[in-house]
């Protein structure tokens, strides 16, 4: 069965850290760029970080630059998101998805690129 599964969410205080993982099953994640998204209650889902299929290119939205780091596992089956310096405004459900449109060596924060595989999400809660 083809799926993406996120894990690593939880509850932390302001300034804390979490390490999210996105694991792939039933397909070769290494062929795709991968993006991390989040959706806070009452807000639109937003792309926050992406990594190209060869891990040579990454992109972040301004609000997480310098605090979050996206990376690929050497097994080519996982993509991680290290989140440091967490803030209450980072509270959201976090999702990973595959980028099926970007050319090799690139990825995009345009959610129109993510039309195929999505995970079920993992909750991140940051308290003041």
C-alpha atoms as a PDB file:
ATOM      1  CA  UNK A   1       0.000   0.000   0.000  1.00  0.00           C
ATOM      2  CA  UNK A   2       1.358   3.392  -0.994  1.00  0.00           C
ATOM      3  CA  UNK A   3       1.470   5.814   1.886  1.00  0.00           C
ATOM      4  CA  UNK A   4       3.386   8.443   3.787  1.00  0.00           C
ATOM      5  CA  UNK A   5       3.416   8.339   7.560  1.00  0.00           C
ATOM      6  CA  UNK A   6       4.454  11.266   9.736  1.00  0.00           C
ATOM      7  CA  UNK A   7       5.652  10.877  13.304  1.00  0.00           C
ATOM      8  CA  UNK A   8       7.427  12.837  15.990  1.00  0.00           C
ATOM      9  CA  UNK A   9       4.832  15.417  16.859  1.00  0.00           C
ATOM     10  CA  UNK A  10       4.062  16.353  20.434  1.00  0.00           C
ATOM     11  CA  UNK A  11       3.747  19.152  22.951  1.00  0.00           C
ATOM     12  CA  UNK A  12       6.642  21.408  23.924  1.00  0.00           C
ATOM     13  CA  UNK A  13       7.178  24.786  25.521  1.00  0.00           C
ATOM     14  CA  UNK A  14       8.247  27.922  23.700  1.00  0.00           C
ATOM     15  CA  UNK A  15      11.869  27.471  22.617  1.00  0.00           C
ATOM     16  CA  UNK A  16      11.700  23.706  22.588  1.00  0.00           C
ATOM     17  CA  UNK A  17      12.544  21.288  19.789  1.00  0.00           C
ATOM     18  CA  UNK A  18      10.895  18.466  17.929  1.00  0.00           C
ATOM     19  CA  UNK A  19      12.078  16.116  15.205  1.00  0.00           C
ATOM     20  CA  UNK A  20       9.441  15.092  12.691  1.00  0.00           C
ATOM     21  CA  UNK A  21       9.855  12.145  10.361  1.00  0.00           C
ATOM     22  CA  UNK A  22       8.057  11.250   7.166  1.00  0.00           C
ATOM     23  CA  UNK A  23       8.359   7.610   6.175  1.00  0.00           C
ATOM     24  CA  UNK A  24       7.353   6.196   2.809  1.00  0.00           C
ATOM     25  CA  UNK A  25       5.790   2.811   2.135  1.00  0.00           C
ATOM     26  CA  UNK A  26       5.023   1.148  -1.170  1.00  0.00           C
ATOM     27  CA  UNK A  27       6.925   3.532  -3.433  1.00  0.00           C
ATOM     28  CA  UNK A  28      10.383   5.016  -3.893  1.00  0.00           C
ATOM     29  CA  UNK A  29      10.410   8.332  -2.066  1.00  0.00           C
ATOM     30  CA  UNK A  30      13.902   8.991  -3.389  1.00  0.00           C
ATOM     31  CA  UNK A  31      12.442   9.739  -6.823  1.00  0.00           C
ATOM     32  CA  UNK A  32      10.523  12.755  -5.577  1.00  0.00           C
ATOM     33  CA  UNK A  33      11.037  16.061  -3.938  1.00  0.00           C
ATOM     34  CA  UNK A  34       9.283  16.205  -0.590  1.00  0.00           C
ATOM     35  CA  UNK A  35       7.581  19.063   1.169  1.00  0.00           C
ATOM     36  CA  UNK A  36       6.448  19.700   4.715  1.00  0.00           C
ATOM     37  CA  UNK A  37       3.206  21.562   5.270  1.00  0.00           C
ATOM     38  CA  UNK A  38       1.268  22.694   8.289  1.00  0.00           C
ATOM     39  CA  UNK A  39      -2.258  23.737   9.022  1.00  0.00           C
ATOM     40  CA  UNK A  40      -3.234  25.614  12.141  1.00  0.00           C
ATOM     41  CA  UNK A  41      -6.841  25.704  13.361  1.00  0.00           C
ATOM     42  CA  UNK A  42      -8.891  28.086  11.259  1.00  0.00           C
ATOM     43  CA  UNK A  43      -6.014  28.782   8.891  1.00  0.00           C
ATOM     44  CA  UNK A  44      -5.115  27.727   5.392  1.00  0.00           C
ATOM     45  CA  UNK A  45      -2.580  24.976   4.925  1.00  0.00           C
ATOM     46  CA  UNK A  46       0.880  26.348   4.126  1.00  0.00           C
ATOM     47  CA  UNK A  47       4.030  24.825   2.727  1.00  0.00           C
ATOM     48  CA  UNK A  48       6.948  25.471   5.043  1.00  0.00           C
ATOM     49  CA  UNK A  49       9.927  23.538   3.671  1.00  0.00           C
ATOM     50  CA  UNK A  50      10.883  21.305   0.793  1.00  0.00           C
ATOM     51  CA  UNK A  51      13.844  19.247  -0.347  1.00  0.00           C
ATOM     52  CA  UNK A  52      14.750  18.057  -3.816  1.00  0.00           C
ATOM     53  CA  UNK A  53      14.977  14.391  -4.680  1.00  0.00           C
ATOM     54  CA  UNK A  54      18.785  14.509  -4.530  1.00  0.00           C
ATOM     55  CA  UNK A  55      18.798  16.622  -1.339  1.00  0.00           C
ATOM     56  CA  UNK A  56      20.918  19.276  -3.058  1.00  0.00           C
ATOM     57  CA  UNK A  57      18.219  21.952  -2.929  1.00  0.00           C
ATOM     58  CA  UNK A  58      16.042  23.073  -0.049  1.00  0.00           C
ATOM     59  CA  UNK A  59      13.664  25.940   0.452  1.00  0.00           C
ATOM     60  CA  UNK A  60      11.915  27.395   3.503  1.00  0.00           C
ATOM     61  CA  UNK A  61       9.341  30.032   4.224  1.00  0.00           C
ATOM     62  CA  UNK A  62      10.748  33.056   6.012  1.00  0.00           C
ATOM     63  CA  UNK A  63       9.088  32.347   9.343  1.00  0.00           C
ATOM     64  CA  UNK A  64      10.973  29.057   9.817  1.00  0.00           C
ATOM     65  CA  UNK A  65      14.324  29.909   8.236  1.00  0.00           C
ATOM     66  CA  UNK A  66      17.154  29.391  10.675  1.00  0.00           C
ATOM     67  CA  UNK A  67      14.933  27.379  13.025  1.00  0.00           C
ATOM     68  CA  UNK A  68      13.819  24.385  10.934  1.00  0.00           C
ATOM     69  CA  UNK A  69      15.970  22.046   8.872  1.00  0.00           C
ATOM     70  CA  UNK A  70      14.727  19.510   6.335  1.00  0.00           C
ATOM     71  CA  UNK A  71      16.838  16.502   5.432  1.00  0.00           C
ATOM     72  CA  UNK A  72      16.686  13.127   3.734  1.00  0.00           C
ATOM     73  CA  UNK A  73      17.560   9.809   5.270  1.00  0.00           C
ATOM     74  CA  UNK A  74      20.342   7.790   3.665  1.00  0.00           C
ATOM     75  CA  UNK A  75      17.842   4.976   3.177  1.00  0.00           C
ATOM     76  CA  UNK A  76      15.934   7.211   0.701  1.00  0.00           C
ATOM     77  CA  UNK A  77      12.719   6.259   2.482  1.00  0.00           C
ATOM     78  CA  UNK A  78      12.470   9.053   5.004  1.00  0.00           C
ATOM     79  CA  UNK A  79      12.516  12.824   5.135  1.00  0.00           C
ATOM     80  CA  UNK A  80      12.904  14.621   8.444  1.00  0.00           C
ATOM     81  CA  UNK A  81      12.156  18.069   9.763  1.00  0.00           C
ATOM     82  CA  UNK A  82      14.219  19.236  12.715  1.00  0.00           C
ATOM     83  CA  UNK A  83      12.387  22.056  14.457  1.00  0.00           C
ATOM     84  CA  UNK A  84      14.247  24.197  16.974  1.00  0.00           C
ATOM     85  CA  UNK A  85      13.259  27.411  18.698  1.00  0.00           C
ATOM     86  CA  UNK A  86       9.598  26.504  18.490  1.00  0.00           C
ATOM     87  CA  UNK A  87       7.047  29.240  19.044  1.00  0.00           C
ATOM     88  CA  UNK A  88       3.342  29.092  19.916  1.00  0.00           C
ATOM     89  CA  UNK A  89       2.557  30.206  16.357  1.00  0.00           C
ATOM     90  CA  UNK A  90       4.145  26.976  15.089  1.00  0.00           C
ATOM     91  CA  UNK A  91       1.251  25.035  16.608  1.00  0.00           C
ATOM     92  CA  UNK A  92      -0.424  23.093  13.802  1.00  0.00           C
ATOM     93  CA  UNK A  93      -0.895  19.705  12.222  1.00  0.00           C
ATOM     94  CA  UNK A  94       2.191  18.963  10.144  1.00  0.00           C
ATOM     95  CA  UNK A  95       2.031  16.966   6.918  1.00  0.00           C
ATOM     96  CA  UNK A  96       4.512  15.685   4.378  1.00  0.00           C
ATOM     97  CA  UNK A  97       3.818  15.215   0.693  1.00  0.00           C
ATOM     98  CA  UNK A  98       5.649  14.380  -2.512  1.00  0.00           C
ATOM     99  CA  UNK A  99       6.500  17.002  -5.123  1.00  0.00           C
ATOM    100  CA  UNK A 100       5.560  15.518  -8.467  1.00  0.00           C
ATOM    101  CA  UNK A 101       6.174  18.558 -10.662  1.00  0.00           C
ATOM    102  CA  UNK A 102       9.525  20.088  -9.879  1.00  0.00           C
ATOM    103  CA  UNK A 103      12.407  19.171 -12.167  1.00  0.00           C
ATOM    104  CA  UNK A 104      15.212  17.032 -10.826  1.00  0.00           C
ATOM    105  CA  UNK A 105      17.382  18.942  -8.420  1.00  0.00           C
ATOM    106  CA  UNK A 106      14.661  21.334  -7.314  1.00  0.00           C
ATOM    107  CA  UNK A 107      11.551  21.492  -5.183  1.00  0.00           C
ATOM    108  CA  UNK A 108       8.786  24.012  -4.736  1.00  0.00           C
ATOM    109  CA  UNK A 109       6.683  25.537  -1.966  1.00  0.00           C
ATOM    110  CA  UNK A 110       3.800  25.827  -4.401  1.00  0.00           C
ATOM    111  CA  UNK A 111       1.189  23.405  -3.144  1.00  0.00           C
ATOM    112  CA  UNK A 112       0.015  22.738  -6.706  1.00  0.00           C
ATOM    113  CA  UNK A 113       3.138  20.595  -7.016  1.00  0.00           C
ATOM    114  CA  UNK A 114       1.817  18.208  -4.382  1.00  0.00           C
ATOM    115  CA  UNK A 115      -1.020  16.298  -5.957  1.00  0.00           C
ATOM    116  CA  UNK A 116      -0.203  12.700  -5.197  1.00  0.00           C
ATOM    117  CA  UNK A 117       1.011  11.299  -1.896  1.00  0.00           C
ATOM    118  CA  UNK A 118       0.150  12.877   1.446  1.00  0.00           C
ATOM    119  CA  UNK A 119       0.538  11.697   4.993  1.00  0.00           C
ATOM    120  CA  UNK A 120      -2.153  11.802   7.665  1.00  0.00           C
ATOM    121  CA  UNK A 121      -0.431  14.475   9.726  1.00  0.00           C
ATOM    122  CA  UNK A 122       1.128  14.781  13.156  1.00  0.00           C
ATOM    123  CA  UNK A 123       0.116  17.357  15.768  1.00  0.00           C
ATOM    124  CA  UNK A 124       2.641  19.868  17.067  1.00  0.00           C
ATOM    125  CA  UNK A 125       1.613  22.021  20.020  1.00  0.00           C
ATOM    126  CA  UNK A 126       3.828  24.755  21.426  1.00  0.00           C
ATOM    127  CA  UNK A 127       2.790  26.379  24.682  1.00  0.00           C
ATOM    128  CA  UNK A 128       3.923  29.845  25.807  1.00  0.00           C
END
